[in-house]
C-alpha atoms as a PDB file:
ATOM      1  CA  UNK A   1       0.508  44.937 -23.305  1.00  0.00           C
ATOM      2  CA  UNK A   2      -0.273  41.643 -25.415  1.00  0.00           C
ATOM      3  CA  UNK A   3      -2.686  38.935 -24.750  1.00  0.00           C
ATOM      4  CA  UNK A   4      -1.681  35.419 -22.921  1.00  0.00           C
ATOM      5  CA  UNK A   5      -1.055  32.622 -25.239  1.00  0.00           C
ATOM      6  CA  UNK A   6      -2.273  29.396 -25.329  1.00  0.00           C
ATOM      7  CA  UNK A   7       0.526  27.729 -23.089  1.00  0.00           C
ATOM      8  CA  UNK A   8       0.032  30.159 -20.777  1.00  0.00           C
ATOM      9  CA  UNK A   9      -3.726  30.209 -20.349  1.00  0.00           C
ATOM     10  CA  UNK A  10      -3.054  25.887 -20.030  1.00  0.00           C
ATOM     11  CA  UNK A  11      -0.323  26.291 -17.237  1.00  0.00           C
ATOM     12  CA  UNK A  12      -2.597  28.745 -15.294  1.00  0.00           C
ATOM     13  CA  UNK A  13      -5.687  26.009 -15.592  1.00  0.00           C
ATOM     14  CA  UNK A  14      -3.443  23.150 -14.525  1.00  0.00           C
ATOM     15  CA  UNK A  15      -1.923  25.131 -11.350  1.00  0.00           C
ATOM     16  CA  UNK A  16      -5.618  25.974 -10.625  1.00  0.00           C
ATOM     17  CA  UNK A  17      -6.826  22.644 -11.251  1.00  0.00           C
ATOM     18  CA  UNK A  18      -4.091  21.230  -8.720  1.00  0.00           C
ATOM     19  CA  UNK A  19      -5.083  23.721  -6.139  1.00  0.00           C
ATOM     20  CA  UNK A  20      -8.642  23.976  -6.170  1.00  0.00           C
ATOM     21  CA  UNK A  21      -9.437  20.239  -7.988  1.00  0.00           C
ATOM     22  CA  UNK A  22     -12.122  18.126  -6.063  1.00  0.00           C
ATOM     23  CA  UNK A  23     -11.416  16.420  -3.142  1.00  0.00           C
ATOM     24  CA  UNK A  24      -8.490  18.166  -1.877  1.00  0.00           C
ATOM     25  CA  UNK A  25      -5.786  16.958  -4.577  1.00  0.00           C
ATOM     26  CA  UNK A  26      -3.153  19.251  -3.084  1.00  0.00           C
ATOM     27  CA  UNK A  27      -3.323  17.741   0.221  1.00  0.00           C
ATOM     28  CA  UNK A  28      -3.465  14.363  -1.232  1.00  0.00           C
ATOM     29  CA  UNK A  29      -0.069  15.215  -2.909  1.00  0.00           C
ATOM     30  CA  UNK A  30       1.417  16.687   0.145  1.00  0.00           C
ATOM     31  CA  UNK A  31       0.506  13.456   2.117  1.00  0.00           C
ATOM     32  CA  UNK A  32       1.711  11.448  -0.321  1.00  0.00           C
ATOM     33  CA  UNK A  33       4.953  13.350  -0.488  1.00  0.00           C
ATOM     34  CA  UNK A  34       5.405  13.377   3.184  1.00  0.00           C
ATOM     35  CA  UNK A  35       5.007   9.500   3.253  1.00  0.00           C
ATOM     36  CA  UNK A  36       7.632   8.893   0.654  1.00  0.00           C
ATOM     37  CA  UNK A  37      10.163  11.166   2.487  1.00  0.00           C
ATOM     38  CA  UNK A  38       9.170   9.059   5.975  1.00  0.00           C
ATOM     39  CA  UNK A  39       9.857   5.996   4.418  1.00  0.00           C
ATOM     40  CA  UNK A  40      13.158   7.038   2.846  1.00  0.00           C
ATOM     41  CA  UNK A  41      14.343   7.874   6.311  1.00  0.00           C
ATOM     42  CA  UNK A  42      13.129   4.734   7.822  1.00  0.00           C
ATOM     43  CA  UNK A  43      14.948   3.037   4.971  1.00  0.00           C
ATOM     44  CA  UNK A  44      18.309   4.804   5.667  1.00  0.00           C
ATOM     45  CA  UNK A  45      17.852   3.702   9.334  1.00  0.00           C
ATOM     46  CA  UNK A  46      17.120   0.344   9.144  1.00  0.00           C
ATOM     47  CA  UNK A  47      20.109   0.121   6.851  1.00  0.00           C
ATOM     48  CA  UNK A  48      22.515   1.104   9.530  1.00  0.00           C
ATOM     49  CA  UNK A  49      20.828  -1.288  11.955  1.00  0.00           C
ATOM     50  CA  UNK A  50      21.464  -4.117   9.443  1.00  0.00           C
ATOM     51  CA  UNK A  51      25.000  -3.446   9.189  1.00  0.00           C
ATOM     52  CA  UNK A  52      25.603  -3.302  13.105  1.00  0.00           C
ATOM     53  CA  UNK A  53      23.701  -6.714  13.291  1.00  0.00           C
ATOM     54  CA  UNK A  54      25.918  -7.935  10.606  1.00  0.00           C
ATOM     55  CA  UNK A  55      28.999  -6.914  12.368  1.00  0.00           C
ATOM     56  CA  UNK A  56      27.633  -8.652  15.595  1.00  0.00           C
ATOM     57  CA  UNK A  57      27.085 -12.030  13.517  1.00  0.00           C
ATOM     58  CA  UNK A  58      30.786 -12.051  12.124  1.00  0.00           C
ATOM     59  CA  UNK A  59      32.243 -11.732  15.659  1.00  0.00           C
ATOM     60  CA  UNK A  60      29.690 -14.384  16.864  1.00  0.00           C
ATOM     61  CA  UNK A  61      31.135 -16.907  14.512  1.00  0.00           C
ATOM     62  CA  UNK A  62      34.646 -16.655  15.920  1.00  0.00           C
ATOM     63  CA  UNK A  63      35.833 -19.843  17.563  1.00  0.00           C
ATOM     64  CA  UNK A  64      38.271 -20.324  20.079  1.00  0.00           C
ATOM     65  CA  UNK A  65      40.193 -23.294  20.103  1.00  0.00           C
ATOM     66  CA  UNK A  66      43.440 -24.917  21.278  1.00  0.00           C
ATOM     67  CA  UNK A  67      45.639 -26.485  18.978  1.00  0.00           C
ATOM     68  CA  UNK A  68      46.772 -29.936  20.048  1.00  0.00           C
ATOM     69  CA  UNK A  69      49.770 -31.779  18.317  1.00  0.00           C
ATOM     70  CA  UNK A  70      49.265 -35.717  17.932  1.00  0.00           C
ATOM     71  CA  UNK A  71      52.857 -36.564  18.857  1.00  0.00           C
ATOM     72  CA  UNK A  72      52.444 -35.212  22.148  1.00  0.00           C
ATOM     73  CA  UNK A  73      49.227 -37.111  22.889  1.00  0.00           C
ATOM     74  CA  UNK A  74      50.350 -40.375  21.801  1.00  0.00           C
ATOM     75  CA  UNK A  75      53.317 -40.452  24.206  1.00  0.00           C
END
């Protein structure tokens, strides 16, 4: 067997720092990731609601009217 190289040792140290670094860095990373996912899902739901509201607004702008011919009203 050969001894681990410098890059292997640095990689192991990085993993140890992430898992056991001060003040629960791993839990902080996971919390940020979860909040990002929740925000993304909420953004997708908000987009669907906005498109439904836009359809209702377009329908609300419809005007019903009857056309009156001037020749018939002047007689």
